[in-house]
Protein backbone atom coordinates (compact mmCIF):
# COMPACT_ATOMS: atom_id res chain seq x y z
CA MET A 1 -108.55 76.67 -262.06
CA VAL A 2 -108.60 74.06 -264.91
CA GLY A 3 -106.70 74.83 -268.10
CA LYS A 4 -107.59 73.79 -271.57
CA ASP A 5 -105.50 71.05 -271.77
CA GLY A 6 -105.96 69.91 -268.29
CA SER A 7 -102.54 70.59 -266.89
CA SER A 8 -102.93 73.03 -264.48
CA VAL A 9 -105.45 70.67 -263.45
CA VAL A 10 -102.86 67.79 -262.86
CA SER A 11 -100.54 70.47 -261.35
CA ASP A 12 -102.64 71.17 -259.16
CA ARG A 13 -103.25 67.45 -258.01
CA LEU A 14 -99.61 66.54 -258.19
CA ASP A 15 -99.32 69.92 -255.48
CA ILE A 16 -101.98 68.77 -253.32
CA VAL A 17 -100.19 65.29 -253.25
CA ARG A 18 -96.73 67.07 -252.43
CA LEU A 19 -98.50 69.05 -249.86
CA ILE A 20 -100.53 65.79 -248.15
CA ASP A 21 -96.57 64.13 -248.11
CA ALA A 22 -94.87 66.77 -246.81
CA ARG A 23 -97.49 66.89 -243.92
CA VAL A 24 -97.50 63.39 -243.23
CA THR A 25 -93.99 63.16 -243.39
CA SER A 26 -93.99 66.02 -240.76
CA THR A 27 -96.87 64.76 -239.05
CA ARG A 28 -94.65 61.03 -238.71
CA ARG A 29 -91.42 63.17 -237.67
CA THR A 30 -94.00 65.12 -234.82
CA VAL A 31 -95.13 61.07 -234.05
CA THR A 32 -91.80 59.56 -233.85
CA ARG A 33 -90.41 62.45 -231.82
CA SER A 34 -93.14 62.27 -229.33
CA LYS A 35 -92.49 58.30 -228.73
CA GLN A 36 -88.67 59.26 -227.91
CA LEU A 37 -90.12 62.23 -226.05
CA ALA A 38 -92.44 59.48 -224.31
CA GLU A 39 -89.45 57.20 -223.58
CA ALA A 40 -87.47 59.54 -222.65
CA ALA A 41 -89.81 60.76 -219.93
CA LYS A 42 -90.00 56.80 -218.72
CA GLY A 43 -86.42 56.42 -218.58
CA ASN A 44 -86.15 59.95 -216.27
CA LEU A 45 -89.28 58.41 -214.49
CA HIS A 46 -88.22 55.04 -213.46
CA ILE A 47 -84.89 57.20 -212.58
CA HIS A 48 -86.71 59.33 -210.18
CA GLU A 49 -88.61 56.12 -208.66
CA ASP A 50 -85.98 54.61 -207.86
CA TRP A 51 -84.48 57.81 -206.03
CA LEU A 52 -87.45 58.12 -203.93
CA ARG A 53 -87.52 54.72 -203.24
CA GLN A 54 -83.97 54.75 -201.65
CA HIS A 55 -84.40 58.82 -200.30
CA ASN A 56 -87.59 56.40 -198.17
CA GLU A 57 -85.65 54.01 -197.19
CA ARG A 58 -82.94 56.02 -195.99
CA PHE A 59 -85.33 58.02 -194.12
CA GLY A 60 -87.08 54.70 -192.87
CA HIS A 61 -83.59 54.09 -191.40
CA ASP A 62 -82.70 57.44 -190.35
CA LEU A 63 -85.94 57.60 -188.25
CA LYS A 64 -85.36 54.25 -186.80
CA ARG A 65 -81.77 55.64 -185.86
CA GLN A 66 -83.13 58.62 -184.47
CA GLN A 67 -85.85 56.84 -182.42
CA ARG A 68 -83.24 54.45 -181.42
CA ARG A 69 -81.32 57.47 -180.20
CA MET A 70 -84.77 58.98 -178.55
CA LYS A 71 -85.14 56.04 -176.67
CA ARG A 72 -81.15 55.68 -175.41
CA ARG A 73 -81.34 59.52 -173.80
CA GLU A 74 -84.80 58.84 -172.36
CA ARG A 75 -82.83 55.36 -170.37
CA ILE A 76 -80.08 57.84 -169.57
CA GLU A 77 -82.04 60.73 -168.19
CA ASN A 78 -83.81 58.05 -165.78
CA ASN A 79 -80.60 56.41 -164.80
CA LYS A 80 -79.35 59.65 -164.21
CA ARG A 81 -83.03 60.78 -162.37
CA PHE A 82 -82.91 57.54 -160.50
CA ALA A 83 -79.23 57.70 -159.77
CA LYS A 84 -79.69 61.37 -158.31
CA SER A 85 -82.66 60.24 -155.77
CA ALA A 86 -80.93 57.50 -154.61
CA LEU A 87 -78.08 59.10 -153.61
CA LEU A 88 -79.94 61.83 -152.39
CA PHE A 89 -82.37 59.31 -150.32
CA LEU A 90 -79.46 56.59 -148.98
CA PRO A 91 -78.01 59.57 -146.33
CA ARG A 92 -81.21 59.83 -145.18
CA LEU A 93 -81.93 56.53 -144.87
CA CYS A 94 -78.61 55.70 -143.13
CA ALA A 95 -79.29 58.46 -140.63
CA ARG A 96 -82.73 57.30 -139.91
CA LEU A 97 -81.10 53.60 -139.47
CA TYR A 98 -77.96 55.24 -137.30
CA ARG A 99 -80.69 56.82 -135.22
CA GLY A 100 -83.23 53.86 -134.81
CA VAL A 101 -80.26 51.62 -133.98
CA VAL A 102 -78.69 54.29 -131.43
CA SER A 103 -82.30 54.78 -129.97
CA ALA A 104 -82.73 50.97 -129.68
CA LEU A 105 -79.50 50.00 -127.72
CA ARG A 106 -80.29 52.65 -125.45
CA ALA A 107 -83.15 51.80 -124.74
CA ALA A 108 -81.96 48.07 -124.47
CA ASP A 109 -79.66 49.44 -122.07
CA ASP A 110 -82.03 50.92 -119.84
CA MET A 111 -83.57 47.78 -119.68
CA VAL A 112 -80.60 45.90 -118.05
CA PRO A 113 -81.53 45.52 -113.77
CA ALA A 114 -80.19 48.61 -111.63
CA ARG A 115 -78.45 45.60 -109.62
CA LEU A 116 -75.79 44.74 -112.20
CA ASP A 117 -74.07 48.90 -111.93
CA LYS A 118 -74.74 48.83 -107.92
CA GLY A 119 -71.40 50.45 -106.71
CA VAL A 120 -70.03 51.15 -110.02
CA ARG A 121 -68.67 54.83 -110.29
CA ARG A 122 -69.92 56.46 -112.98
CA CYS A 123 -68.23 59.28 -114.57
CA ALA A 124 -70.01 63.21 -115.33
CA ASP A 125 -71.95 61.64 -118.29
CA GLY A 126 -73.07 58.66 -116.65
CA VAL A 127 -70.84 56.15 -118.40
CA PRO A 128 -69.06 53.65 -115.70
CA LEU A 129 -65.41 54.26 -114.87
CA LEU A 130 -62.60 51.27 -114.23
CA PRO A 131 -62.36 50.80 -110.61
CA GLY A 132 -59.24 52.93 -109.23
CA SER A 133 -58.93 54.88 -112.15
CA GLN A 134 -60.56 57.78 -114.71
CA ARG A 135 -61.11 55.47 -117.71
CA ARG A 136 -64.00 54.66 -118.83
CA ILE A 137 -65.48 51.36 -119.10
CA VAL A 138 -66.52 49.80 -122.96
CA PRO A 139 -68.70 47.15 -122.37
CA GLN A 140 -68.39 43.64 -124.37
CA ARG A 141 -72.20 43.66 -124.31
CA ALA A 142 -73.03 45.55 -127.78
CA SER A 143 -75.40 49.07 -126.54
CA ALA A 144 -75.36 52.87 -126.70
CA CYS A 145 -72.29 53.15 -124.70
CA VAL A 146 -70.11 51.56 -127.17
CA PHE A 147 -71.63 54.49 -129.90
CA HIS A 148 -71.41 56.97 -126.98
CA GLU A 149 -67.48 55.59 -126.20
CA ILE A 150 -67.05 56.17 -130.37
CA LEU A 151 -68.88 59.48 -130.33
CA ARG A 152 -67.23 60.79 -127.26
CA ASP A 153 -63.71 59.72 -128.28
């Protein structure tokens, strides 16, 4: 209210100015704090971005290392499988080769004309004997007799 001398109006206006100044000051503090918080948030954001970038790089390296390990293990397993199959296959192959060679040599021995062996005494299993003894002849040519001799002794 306005007094007759006008003093209350002035004091009301001064109060309003003081009130406005106080609000402006508090608003400025709030703005300053907001700017500081924004700067702090930007700093934290940069820290977290750096951490995330480093984490992604480490993850990429770890992923590549793990893939190399898996490929290495797969190669080792494949090599083991090949070695096992080779170890199981080779004895069979050798046995079949041996049987084939023996049968081929027997067939070649059967093709020798009978007149070359005329008058030669033979033991019970058909191997020729040396004249005047009970020892077997080991022919110089490669034949089933050589293998026969080896297998019998």
